[in-house]
């Protein structure tokens, strides 16, 4: 019998790709999502790719009544992957209370119910933003946690502290915390990808919409940073590579009794790429021009950060493999798919 996994925020960008990889790996998946930043049609894409339509509950993880009903209906859930969070740095600066209430209450509710329903472990979707502006790059898991540069980043720091405190208190669960760098791209099938509601907050969907003529131009937030071309540097990781790491983490957490109660892994490529270099990579990979202008710096942005992923490579046996040009081609194919629907 397949092991059942709950994926919160499972119709979202990273969540949907992770559901695909879980189902391809033989797990049974239940999704809960309030569809605040996703679309129910994502389930069709998941089903087309895998041949399986995951169980779906439309609801908010912040609502305990909804969560209790879900766990009562699926009492054999063994693991959780938690993507239920608001995630835009810029928006978090403007709407901090939305981020604290959504991102923290959802996690607390899940942790509170796990022992009661016999759920063994939770894979938590964290972020490299917990490192703040790093002193050196690349950055590994031993780097100090700094004062967050945005409320979004702070919710990730606090969430990690909540998980650690709860497990230290004696809760009989495990957790693997995955600190993502910058997920980009789409599934190679072009059947699922990043699909924000309204004006995108993230770089790649805004870039592809600009390339498609939906947006007039892309704004690069600042070209006066202390980097080779003046734009911010990030570690852009393909979303399918990222999704596969969650499958590996889940197996480790559920199947290996010798692991520590809480483990932390950086998920990145180990290569820093500037925003201007990424635009150039997209244009080279697709042959499509992207009109852009240089704007003011954006509040909350870190100047440069990229991963030292050796721990994930060696302990998890996971590695980011997709070349950035292929990632950009997949992102563009997804944009074209959306236009042709």
Foldseek 3Di string as FASTA:
>chain_A
DAAEEEEEVLQAFLNVLLVLLCVVVRHAYEYEYQCPWGDPCSQVLSCVNRVDRHHYDNDALLDLVSVVVVCVVVLRHAEYEYPFFDAFQQVCQVPVVRRLSRLPSSLVSCLVCCLVSVHAEYEYEAAPQQLPQFPDPADWPVRDRDDGQGSNNVSRVVSVVVLVVSVVVPRRHAYEYEHEWAEFFFPLVLSGHHGTPDQDSDDLVNQLCQLVVVDVAAEQAFQCFPDPRSAAKTFYFYSNLVSNLVSLVVCCRPPPPPDDRYHYFYDGQRDIDGPVRLQVLLCVLPVTHGHYDYDHHRRRDHRYYGHPGVCCCPVSVGHGDDDSSSRSVRSNSNSVVVVVD
